[in-house]
Amino acid sequence: NKQQVTTDSYYSYIHYYTTMAKHLARIHGTEEDKVNCPFYYKIGACRHADRCSRLHHKPAFSQTLLFSHLFQSTVDSTNDEAVLEEFLSFYEDFYLELSKFGRLEGLYIADNVADHLVGHVYAKFRNEEDATDCLQVMHGRYYDGRLMLCEYSPVTDFREARCRDYDELDCARGGDCNFLHA
């Protein structure tokens, strides 16, 4: 019967595309995904930048903002006390400034020296509306004489973005590590 063949084909078609959609959703942003860059999804930055063979989809909205290359230490790096004091001063000042837009769930400052991460500041807000308000006001402003470039970041889980070895004070790559030292 022709009606039965058409119905069977339809259900076979639906099953195939449902299975494919589930597979693509499972691998999206992982090493198995050969289209989208997993590092960009985990860290919000990729060492290959525009030369990456995989796609970097910039989100249209997010709870997390990335302030590119904003924190730049100006003190002698051999003076640990001065470095810590400068860092804490920046952290406190920037945290208070961003808190004006809403509740922050986290403020992460990259301690990496690799070009694609150096000085990055990530701010995760409780909700996307607060992040949007912050982006609209902060992007293009100056902080300590430096232009702030702010964008939405795909990073939502900083446990995946952070270097576990660094957290245990044992990262062999040091500041050149591709995971966040924050």
N, C-alpha and C. Protein backbone atom coordinates (compact mmCIF):
# COMPACT_ATOMS: atom_id res chain seq x y z
N ASN A 1 0.84 -1.16 0.00
CA ASN A 1 0.00 0.00 0.00
C ASN A 1 0.89 1.23 0.00
N LYS A 2 0.58 2.16 -0.86
CA LYS A 2 1.40 3.37 -1.05
C LYS A 2 1.39 4.26 0.19
N GLN A 3 0.25 4.37 0.84
CA GLN A 3 0.14 5.18 2.06
C GLN A 3 1.08 4.65 3.15
N GLN A 4 1.16 3.32 3.30
CA GLN A 4 2.01 2.70 4.31
C GLN A 4 3.48 2.98 4.02
N VAL A 5 3.90 2.91 2.78
CA VAL A 5 5.30 3.18 2.39
C VAL A 5 5.65 4.63 2.70
N THR A 6 4.77 5.55 2.40
CA THR A 6 5.02 6.96 2.67
C THR A 6 5.14 7.22 4.16
N THR A 7 4.29 6.62 4.96
CA THR A 7 4.34 6.78 6.41
C THR A 7 5.62 6.18 6.97
N ASP A 8 6.01 5.00 6.51
CA ASP A 8 7.25 4.36 6.96
C ASP A 8 8.46 5.22 6.60
N SER A 9 8.46 5.77 5.39
CA SER A 9 9.57 6.62 4.95
C SER A 9 9.64 7.88 5.82
N TYR A 10 8.49 8.42 6.13
CA TYR A 10 8.44 9.63 6.95
C TYR A 10 9.03 9.35 8.33
N TYR A 11 8.62 8.25 8.96
CA TYR A 11 9.13 7.92 10.29
C TYR A 11 10.61 7.57 10.26
N SER A 12 11.05 6.94 9.20
CA SER A 12 12.47 6.62 9.04
C SER A 12 13.27 7.92 8.92
N TYR A 13 12.75 8.86 8.14
CA TYR A 13 13.38 10.17 7.95
C TYR A 13 13.48 10.92 9.29
N ILE A 14 12.39 10.95 10.04
CA ILE A 14 12.35 11.62 11.34
C ILE A 14 13.34 10.97 12.30
N HIS A 15 13.36 9.65 12.34
CA HIS A 15 14.27 8.93 13.24
C HIS A 15 15.73 9.25 12.90
N TYR A 16 16.08 9.25 11.61
CA TYR A 16 17.44 9.54 11.18
C TYR A 16 17.87 10.94 11.64
N TYR A 17 17.06 11.95 11.37
CA TYR A 17 17.43 13.32 11.71
C TYR A 17 17.38 13.59 13.22
N THR A 18 16.51 12.92 13.93
CA THR A 18 16.49 13.05 15.39
C THR A 18 17.76 12.46 15.99
N THR A 19 18.15 11.29 15.48
CA THR A 19 19.38 10.65 15.94
C THR A 19 20.59 11.52 15.62
N MET A 20 20.64 12.07 14.42
CA MET A 20 21.75 12.93 14.00
C MET A 20 21.79 14.20 14.86
N ALA A 21 20.64 14.79 15.14
CA ALA A 21 20.60 16.01 15.96
C ALA A 21 21.10 15.72 17.37
N LYS A 22 20.72 14.59 17.94
CA LYS A 22 21.19 14.22 19.28
C LYS A 22 22.70 14.02 19.27
N HIS A 23 23.21 13.39 18.22
CA HIS A 23 24.66 13.17 18.12
C HIS A 23 25.41 14.50 18.03
N LEU A 24 24.93 15.39 17.18
CA LEU A 24 25.59 16.69 17.02
C LEU A 24 25.52 17.51 18.30
N ALA A 25 24.41 17.44 19.01
CA ALA A 25 24.28 18.16 20.28
C ALA A 25 25.26 17.60 21.31
N ARG A 26 25.47 16.29 21.30
CA ARG A 26 26.37 15.65 22.26
C ARG A 26 27.83 16.04 22.02
N ILE A 27 28.24 16.14 20.75
CA ILE A 27 29.66 16.41 20.47
C ILE A 27 29.97 17.89 20.30
N HIS A 28 28.96 18.75 20.25
CA HIS A 28 29.17 20.18 20.00
C HIS A 28 30.18 20.77 20.99
N GLY A 29 31.24 21.37 20.46
CA GLY A 29 32.24 22.03 21.29
C GLY A 29 33.19 21.08 21.99
N THR A 30 33.20 19.79 21.61
CA THR A 30 34.14 18.83 22.19
C THR A 30 35.22 18.52 21.16
N GLU A 31 36.19 17.73 21.54
CA GLU A 31 37.25 17.34 20.61
C GLU A 31 36.69 16.54 19.42
N GLU A 32 35.58 15.86 19.62
CA GLU A 32 34.95 15.08 18.54
C GLU A 32 34.36 15.99 17.47
N ASP A 33 34.02 17.21 17.84
CA ASP A 33 33.41 18.17 16.92
C ASP A 33 34.50 18.69 15.98
N LYS A 34 34.40 18.34 14.72
CA LYS A 34 35.42 18.74 13.74
C LYS A 34 35.09 20.08 13.08
N VAL A 35 33.96 20.68 13.46
CA VAL A 35 33.55 21.95 12.86
C VAL A 35 33.80 23.11 13.82
N ASN A 36 33.43 22.95 15.09
CA ASN A 36 33.53 24.03 16.08
C ASN A 36 34.74 23.84 16.98
N CYS A 37 35.41 24.93 17.32
CA CYS A 37 36.63 24.89 18.11
C CYS A 37 36.33 24.63 19.59
N PRO A 38 36.82 23.51 20.12
CA PRO A 38 36.54 23.20 21.53
C PRO A 38 37.23 24.17 22.50
N PHE A 39 38.40 24.66 22.14
CA PHE A 39 39.09 25.60 23.03
C PHE A 39 38.33 26.91 23.12
N TYR A 40 37.77 27.36 22.01
CA TYR A 40 37.01 28.61 22.05
C TYR A 40 35.80 28.46 22.96
N TYR A 41 35.13 27.31 22.92
CA TYR A 41 33.96 27.10 23.77
C TYR A 41 34.33 26.95 25.23
N LYS A 42 35.49 26.37 25.52
CA LYS A 42 35.89 26.17 26.91
C LYS A 42 36.50 27.42 27.52
N ILE A 43 37.28 28.18 26.73
CA ILE A 43 38.10 29.25 27.27
C ILE A 43 37.72 30.63 26.75
N GLY A 44 36.98 30.68 25.66
CA GLY A 44 36.59 31.96 25.10
C GLY A 44 37.69 32.60 24.28
N ALA A 45 38.76 31.85 24.04
CA ALA A 45 39.87 32.33 23.23
C ALA A 45 40.55 31.11 22.61
N CYS A 46 41.19 31.32 21.48
CA CYS A 46 41.88 30.22 20.80
C CYS A 46 43.24 30.72 20.36
N ARG A 47 44.25 29.89 20.57
CA ARG A 47 45.62 30.32 20.23
C ARG A 47 45.79 30.54 18.73
N HIS A 48 44.91 29.96 17.92
CA HIS A 48 45.02 30.12 16.47
C HIS A 48 44.25 31.34 15.96
N ALA A 49 43.41 31.92 16.81
CA ALA A 49 42.60 33.10 16.47
C ALA A 49 41.88 32.90 15.13
N ASP A 50 42.00 33.85 14.22
CA ASP A 50 41.30 33.78 12.94
C ASP A 50 41.87 32.72 12.01
N ARG A 51 43.04 32.18 12.33
CA ARG A 51 43.66 31.15 11.50
C ARG A 51 43.21 29.74 11.88
N CYS A 52 42.37 29.62 12.89
CA CYS A 52 41.88 28.33 13.36
C CYS A 52 41.07 27.64 12.26
N SER A 53 41.26 26.35 12.12
CA SER A 53 40.54 25.59 11.09
C SER A 53 39.10 25.31 11.51
N ARG A 54 38.77 25.58 12.77
CA ARG A 54 37.41 25.34 13.27
C ARG A 54 36.73 26.69 13.52
N LEU A 55 35.42 26.63 13.63
CA LEU A 55 34.63 27.86 13.78
C LEU A 55 34.61 28.36 15.22
N HIS A 56 34.60 29.67 15.37
CA HIS A 56 34.44 30.34 16.66
C HIS A 56 33.13 31.12 16.60
N HIS A 57 32.07 30.52 17.06
CA HIS A 57 30.78 31.21 17.06
C HIS A 57 30.71 32.13 18.27
N LYS A 58 30.67 33.42 18.00
CA LYS A 58 30.55 34.39 19.09
C LYS A 58 29.08 34.45 19.50
N PRO A 59 28.81 34.26 20.79
CA PRO A 59 27.41 34.25 21.21
C PRO A 59 26.75 35.62 21.07
N ALA A 60 25.46 35.60 20.80
CA ALA A 60 24.67 36.84 20.68
C ALA A 60 24.30 37.37 22.06
N PHE A 61 24.39 36.53 23.08
CA PHE A 61 24.14 36.91 24.47
C PHE A 61 24.78 35.87 25.36
N SER A 62 25.09 36.24 26.58
CA SER A 62 25.72 35.33 27.53
C SER A 62 25.72 35.98 28.90
N GLN A 63 25.86 35.17 29.93
CA GLN A 63 26.05 35.68 31.29
C GLN A 63 27.48 36.17 31.48
N THR A 64 28.39 35.69 30.62
CA THR A 64 29.81 35.94 30.80
C THR A 64 30.32 36.93 29.77
N LEU A 65 31.09 37.90 30.25
CA LEU A 65 31.74 38.88 29.37
C LEU A 65 33.25 38.66 29.42
N LEU A 66 33.88 38.92 28.30
CA LEU A 66 35.34 38.87 28.20
C LEU A 66 35.84 40.28 27.91
N PHE A 67 36.74 40.74 28.76
CA PHE A 67 37.45 42.01 28.55
C PHE A 67 38.84 41.62 28.09
N SER A 68 39.10 41.77 26.79
CA SER A 68 40.34 41.30 26.20
C SER A 68 41.54 42.14 26.61
N HIS A 69 42.58 41.46 27.07
CA HIS A 69 43.89 42.06 27.37
C HIS A 69 43.80 43.30 28.26
N LEU A 70 42.91 43.28 29.23
CA LEU A 70 42.68 44.47 30.06
C LEU A 70 43.68 44.60 31.20
N PHE A 71 43.97 43.49 31.89
CA PHE A 71 44.88 43.58 33.04
C PHE A 71 46.32 43.48 32.56
N GLN A 72 47.08 44.53 32.81
CA GLN A 72 48.48 44.53 32.43
C GLN A 72 49.29 44.97 33.64
N SER A 73 50.08 44.06 34.14
CA SER A 73 50.90 44.37 35.31
C SER A 73 52.00 45.36 34.94
N THR A 74 52.19 46.33 35.80
CA THR A 74 53.21 47.35 35.52
C THR A 74 54.36 47.30 36.52
N VAL A 75 54.31 46.34 37.46
CA VAL A 75 55.36 46.26 38.48
C VAL A 75 56.36 45.18 38.13
N ASP A 76 57.52 45.25 38.75
CA ASP A 76 58.58 44.27 38.56
C ASP A 76 58.08 42.89 39.01
N SER A 77 58.09 41.93 38.11
CA SER A 77 57.52 40.61 38.40
C SER A 77 58.33 39.83 39.44
N THR A 78 59.51 40.29 39.79
CA THR A 78 60.29 39.59 40.82
C THR A 78 59.87 40.02 42.22
N ASN A 79 59.10 41.09 42.31
CA ASN A 79 58.63 41.58 43.60
C ASN A 79 57.22 41.04 43.84
N ASP A 80 57.15 39.87 44.48
CA ASP A 80 55.86 39.18 44.67
C ASP A 80 54.84 40.02 45.42
N GLU A 81 55.28 40.75 46.44
CA GLU A 81 54.34 41.57 47.22
C GLU A 81 53.74 42.68 46.37
N ALA A 82 54.55 43.34 45.56
CA ALA A 82 54.05 44.41 44.70
C ALA A 82 53.10 43.86 43.63
N VAL A 83 53.43 42.70 43.09
CA VAL A 83 52.56 42.08 42.08
C VAL A 83 51.21 41.75 42.70
N LEU A 84 51.22 41.14 43.88
CA LEU A 84 49.98 40.78 44.56
C LEU A 84 49.16 42.03 44.91
N GLU A 85 49.83 43.07 45.40
CA GLU A 85 49.12 44.30 45.75
C GLU A 85 48.47 44.94 44.53
N GLU A 86 49.20 44.98 43.41
CA GLU A 86 48.65 45.55 42.18
C GLU A 86 47.46 44.72 41.70
N PHE A 87 47.60 43.40 41.74
CA PHE A 87 46.51 42.51 41.31
C PHE A 87 45.27 42.71 42.17
N LEU A 88 45.44 42.72 43.49
CA LEU A 88 44.29 42.87 44.40
C LEU A 88 43.63 44.23 44.23
N SER A 89 44.42 45.26 43.99
CA SER A 89 43.88 46.59 43.76
C SER A 89 43.02 46.61 42.49
N PHE A 90 43.55 46.02 41.41
CA PHE A 90 42.79 45.94 40.16
C PHE A 90 41.52 45.13 40.36
N TYR A 91 41.64 43.98 41.01
CA TYR A 91 40.50 43.08 41.21
C TYR A 91 39.39 43.80 41.97
N GLU A 92 39.75 44.44 43.07
CA GLU A 92 38.76 45.13 43.89
C GLU A 92 38.09 46.27 43.11
N ASP A 93 38.90 47.07 42.44
CA ASP A 93 38.37 48.20 41.69
C ASP A 93 37.44 47.75 40.57
N PHE A 94 37.86 46.75 39.83
CA PHE A 94 37.06 46.29 38.69
C PHE A 94 35.81 45.56 39.17
N TYR A 95 35.93 44.79 40.24
CA TYR A 95 34.77 44.09 40.80
C TYR A 95 33.70 45.10 41.23
N LEU A 96 34.13 46.14 41.92
CA LEU A 96 33.18 47.16 42.36
C LEU A 96 32.53 47.87 41.17
N GLU A 97 33.32 48.12 40.13
CA GLU A 97 32.78 48.80 38.94
C GLU A 97 31.73 47.91 38.25
N LEU A 98 32.03 46.64 38.09
CA LEU A 98 31.10 45.74 37.40
C LEU A 98 29.88 45.42 38.24
N SER A 99 30.04 45.44 39.55
CA SER A 99 28.91 45.14 40.45
C SER A 99 27.79 46.16 40.34
N LYS A 100 28.07 47.29 39.77
CA LYS A 100 27.04 48.31 39.56
C LYS A 100 25.97 47.83 38.58
N PHE A 101 26.31 46.82 37.77
CA PHE A 101 25.38 46.34 36.74
C PHE A 101 24.56 45.14 37.20
N GLY A 102 24.95 44.55 38.32
CA GLY A 102 24.23 43.38 38.81
C GLY A 102 25.17 42.46 39.57
N ARG A 103 24.60 41.37 40.04
CA ARG A 103 25.37 40.43 40.87
C ARG A 103 26.35 39.62 40.02
N LEU A 104 27.61 39.65 40.43
CA LEU A 104 28.65 38.87 39.77
C LEU A 104 28.75 37.50 40.43
N GLU A 105 28.79 36.47 39.62
CA GLU A 105 29.03 35.12 40.14
C GLU A 105 30.51 34.80 40.15
N GLY A 106 31.29 35.53 39.36
CA GLY A 106 32.73 35.30 39.34
C GLY A 106 33.44 36.34 38.52
N LEU A 107 34.65 36.65 38.93
CA LEU A 107 35.54 37.54 38.19
C LEU A 107 36.87 36.82 38.09
N TYR A 108 37.29 36.51 36.88
CA TYR A 108 38.48 35.71 36.65
C TYR A 108 39.47 36.52 35.82
N ILE A 109 40.70 36.58 36.30
CA ILE A 109 41.74 37.33 35.61
C ILE A 109 42.84 36.35 35.22
N ALA A 110 43.09 36.25 33.92
CA ALA A 110 44.06 35.29 33.41
C ALA A 110 45.48 35.68 33.81
N ASP A 111 46.20 34.70 34.34
CA ASP A 111 47.61 34.89 34.70
C ASP A 111 48.51 34.28 33.63
N ASN A 112 47.94 34.00 32.49
CA ASN A 112 48.70 33.40 31.38
C ASN A 112 49.50 34.49 30.67
N VAL A 113 50.57 34.08 29.98
CA VAL A 113 51.36 35.03 29.20
C VAL A 113 51.24 34.79 27.70
N ALA A 114 50.54 33.72 27.31
CA ALA A 114 50.32 33.45 25.89
C ALA A 114 49.48 34.57 25.28
N ASP A 115 49.79 34.94 24.06
CA ASP A 115 49.15 36.09 23.40
C ASP A 115 47.63 36.04 23.42
N HIS A 116 47.05 34.87 23.28
CA HIS A 116 45.59 34.77 23.17
C HIS A 116 44.89 34.84 24.52
N LEU A 117 45.64 34.89 25.63
CA LEU A 117 45.02 34.95 26.96
C LEU A 117 45.55 36.06 27.87
N VAL A 118 46.69 36.61 27.55
CA VAL A 118 47.33 37.55 28.46
C VAL A 118 46.42 38.72 28.81
N GLY A 119 46.22 38.92 30.11
CA GLY A 119 45.44 40.05 30.60
C GLY A 119 43.94 39.94 30.45
N HIS A 120 43.45 38.79 29.97
CA HIS A 120 42.00 38.64 29.82
C HIS A 120 41.30 38.66 31.18
N VAL A 121 40.16 39.33 31.20
CA VAL A 121 39.33 39.38 32.40
C VAL A 121 37.95 38.87 32.01
N TYR A 122 37.48 37.87 32.75
CA TYR A 122 36.16 37.28 32.52
C TYR A 122 35.26 37.65 33.68
N ALA A 123 34.08 38.14 33.36
CA ALA A 123 33.10 38.49 34.39
C ALA A 123 31.83 37.70 34.12
N LYS A 124 31.45 36.86 35.08
CA LYS A 124 30.22 36.08 34.93
C LYS A 124 29.15 36.68 35.84
N PHE A 125 28.08 37.13 35.22
CA PHE A 125 26.96 37.72 35.94
C PHE A 125 25.93 36.66 36.25
N ARG A 126 25.08 36.96 37.21
CA ARG A 126 24.02 36.02 37.56
C ARG A 126 23.04 35.83 36.40
N ASN A 127 22.78 36.92 35.64
CA ASN A 127 21.86 36.77 34.51
C ASN A 127 22.36 37.54 33.29
N GLU A 128 21.82 37.18 32.15
CA GLU A 128 22.26 37.75 30.88
C GLU A 128 21.92 39.23 30.74
N GLU A 129 20.82 39.66 31.34
CA GLU A 129 20.42 41.06 31.23
C GLU A 129 21.46 41.97 31.87
N ASP A 130 21.99 41.57 33.03
CA ASP A 130 23.03 42.37 33.68
C ASP A 130 24.30 42.41 32.84
N ALA A 131 24.64 41.28 32.24
CA ALA A 131 25.82 41.24 31.36
C ALA A 131 25.62 42.15 30.16
N THR A 132 24.43 42.17 29.61
CA THR A 132 24.13 43.03 28.46
C THR A 132 24.24 44.50 28.85
N ASP A 133 23.70 44.86 30.01
CA ASP A 133 23.82 46.26 30.48
C ASP A 133 25.28 46.65 30.63
N CYS A 134 26.07 45.75 31.21
CA CYS A 134 27.49 46.02 31.41
C CYS A 134 28.21 46.19 30.07
N LEU A 135 27.95 45.29 29.15
CA LEU A 135 28.59 45.36 27.84
C LEU A 135 28.29 46.68 27.14
N GLN A 136 27.04 47.10 27.18
CA GLN A 136 26.64 48.32 26.49
C GLN A 136 27.34 49.55 27.06
N VAL A 137 27.59 49.56 28.37
CA VAL A 137 28.22 50.72 29.00
C VAL A 137 29.75 50.64 28.93
N MET A 138 30.31 49.46 29.15
CA MET A 138 31.76 49.33 29.31
C MET A 138 32.53 49.23 28.00
N HIS A 139 31.94 48.64 26.98
CA HIS A 139 32.66 48.47 25.71
C HIS A 139 32.99 49.84 25.12
N GLY A 140 34.26 50.04 24.84
CA GLY A 140 34.70 51.29 24.24
C GLY A 140 35.12 52.35 25.25
N ARG A 141 34.89 52.08 26.55
CA ARG A 141 35.36 53.01 27.58
C ARG A 141 36.85 52.77 27.83
N TYR A 142 37.43 53.65 28.60
CA TYR A 142 38.84 53.50 28.96
C TYR A 142 38.96 53.11 30.42
N TYR A 143 39.92 52.25 30.69
CA TYR A 143 40.26 51.89 32.07
C TYR A 143 41.76 52.03 32.20
N ASP A 144 42.18 52.89 33.10
CA ASP A 144 43.61 53.12 33.34
C ASP A 144 44.35 53.43 32.04
N GLY A 145 43.70 54.22 31.18
CA GLY A 145 44.33 54.65 29.93
C GLY A 145 44.25 53.64 28.80
N ARG A 146 43.61 52.50 29.03
CA ARG A 146 43.51 51.47 28.00
C ARG A 146 42.06 51.31 27.55
N LEU A 147 41.86 51.20 26.24
CA LEU A 147 40.54 50.99 25.67
C LEU A 147 40.03 49.60 26.07
N MET A 148 38.81 49.55 26.58
CA MET A 148 38.22 48.27 26.96
C MET A 148 37.46 47.69 25.77
N LEU A 149 37.88 46.49 25.38
CA LEU A 149 37.18 45.74 24.35
C LEU A 149 36.45 44.60 25.04
N CYS A 150 35.15 44.68 25.01
CA CYS A 150 34.31 43.75 25.76
C CYS A 150 33.40 43.01 24.79
N GLU A 151 33.23 41.73 25.03
CA GLU A 151 32.34 40.92 24.19
C GLU A 151 31.74 39.80 25.02
N TYR A 152 30.66 39.23 24.50
CA TYR A 152 30.08 38.06 25.16
C TYR A 152 31.04 36.89 25.00
N SER A 153 31.10 36.06 26.02
CA SER A 153 31.97 34.88 25.99
C SER A 153 31.12 33.62 26.08
N PRO A 154 31.53 32.57 25.36
CA PRO A 154 30.79 31.31 25.45
C PRO A 154 31.06 30.55 26.74
N VAL A 155 32.02 30.99 27.53
CA VAL A 155 32.39 30.28 28.76
C VAL A 155 31.30 30.47 29.82
N THR A 156 30.79 29.37 30.30
CA THR A 156 29.82 29.43 31.39
C THR A 156 30.27 28.58 32.57
N ASP A 157 31.12 27.60 32.33
CA ASP A 157 31.62 26.72 33.37
C ASP A 157 33.13 26.89 33.49
N PHE A 158 33.56 27.66 34.47
CA PHE A 158 34.98 27.94 34.60
C PHE A 158 35.77 26.75 35.14
N ARG A 159 35.08 25.73 35.62
CA ARG A 159 35.78 24.50 36.01
C ARG A 159 36.41 23.85 34.79
N GLU A 160 35.75 23.97 33.64
CA GLU A 160 36.27 23.41 32.40
C GLU A 160 37.35 24.31 31.79
N ALA A 161 37.25 25.60 32.04
CA ALA A 161 38.18 26.56 31.44
C ALA A 161 39.51 26.62 32.19
N ARG A 162 39.47 26.37 33.49
CA ARG A 162 40.66 26.51 34.33
C ARG A 162 41.60 25.32 34.20
N CYS A 163 42.88 25.60 34.33
CA CYS A 163 43.91 24.56 34.32
C CYS A 163 43.91 23.88 35.69
N ARG A 164 43.61 22.60 35.70
CA ARG A 164 43.56 21.86 36.97
C ARG A 164 44.95 21.75 37.60
N ASP A 165 45.97 21.61 36.76
CA ASP A 165 47.34 21.53 37.29
C ASP A 165 47.75 22.83 37.95
N TYR A 166 47.34 23.95 37.36
CA TYR A 166 47.66 25.26 37.95
C TYR A 166 46.99 25.41 39.31
N ASP A 167 45.74 24.93 39.40
CA ASP A 167 45.03 24.99 40.68
C ASP A 167 45.74 24.19 41.76
N GLU A 168 46.47 23.17 41.34
CA GLU A 168 47.24 22.34 42.28
C GLU A 168 48.71 22.77 42.34
N LEU A 169 49.01 23.96 41.75
CA LEU A 169 50.35 24.55 41.74
C LEU A 169 51.37 23.65 41.06
N ASP A 170 50.94 22.97 39.96
CA ASP A 170 51.81 22.00 39.33
C ASP A 170 51.71 22.02 37.80
N CYS A 171 51.46 23.18 37.17
CA CYS A 171 51.32 23.22 35.72
C CYS A 171 52.71 23.30 35.09
N ALA A 172 53.04 22.28 34.30
CA ALA A 172 54.36 22.21 33.65
C ALA A 172 54.50 23.22 32.52
N ARG A 173 53.38 23.69 31.96
CA ARG A 173 53.44 24.64 30.84
C ARG A 173 53.64 26.08 31.31
N GLY A 174 53.40 26.33 32.57
CA GLY A 174 53.55 27.69 33.09
C GLY A 174 52.55 28.64 32.44
N GLY A 175 52.96 29.87 32.24
CA GLY A 175 52.08 30.89 31.69
C GLY A 175 51.69 30.66 30.24
N ASP A 176 52.37 29.73 29.55
CA ASP A 176 52.04 29.43 28.16
C ASP A 176 50.94 28.40 28.01
N CYS A 177 50.40 27.95 29.12
CA CYS A 177 49.32 26.95 29.12
C CYS A 177 48.11 27.52 28.37
N ASN A 178 47.39 26.64 27.68
CA ASN A 178 46.21 27.07 26.93
C ASN A 178 44.94 27.08 27.76
N PHE A 179 45.00 26.58 29.00
CA PHE A 179 43.85 26.67 29.89
C PHE A 179 44.08 27.84 30.84
N LEU A 180 42.99 28.36 31.39
CA LEU A 180 43.07 29.56 32.22
C LEU A 180 43.85 29.32 33.51
N HIS A 181 44.80 30.18 33.75
CA HIS A 181 45.46 30.27 35.04
C HIS A 181 44.83 31.49 35.71
N ALA A 182 43.79 31.23 36.49
CA ALA A 182 43.04 32.33 37.09
C ALA A 182 42.76 32.05 38.55
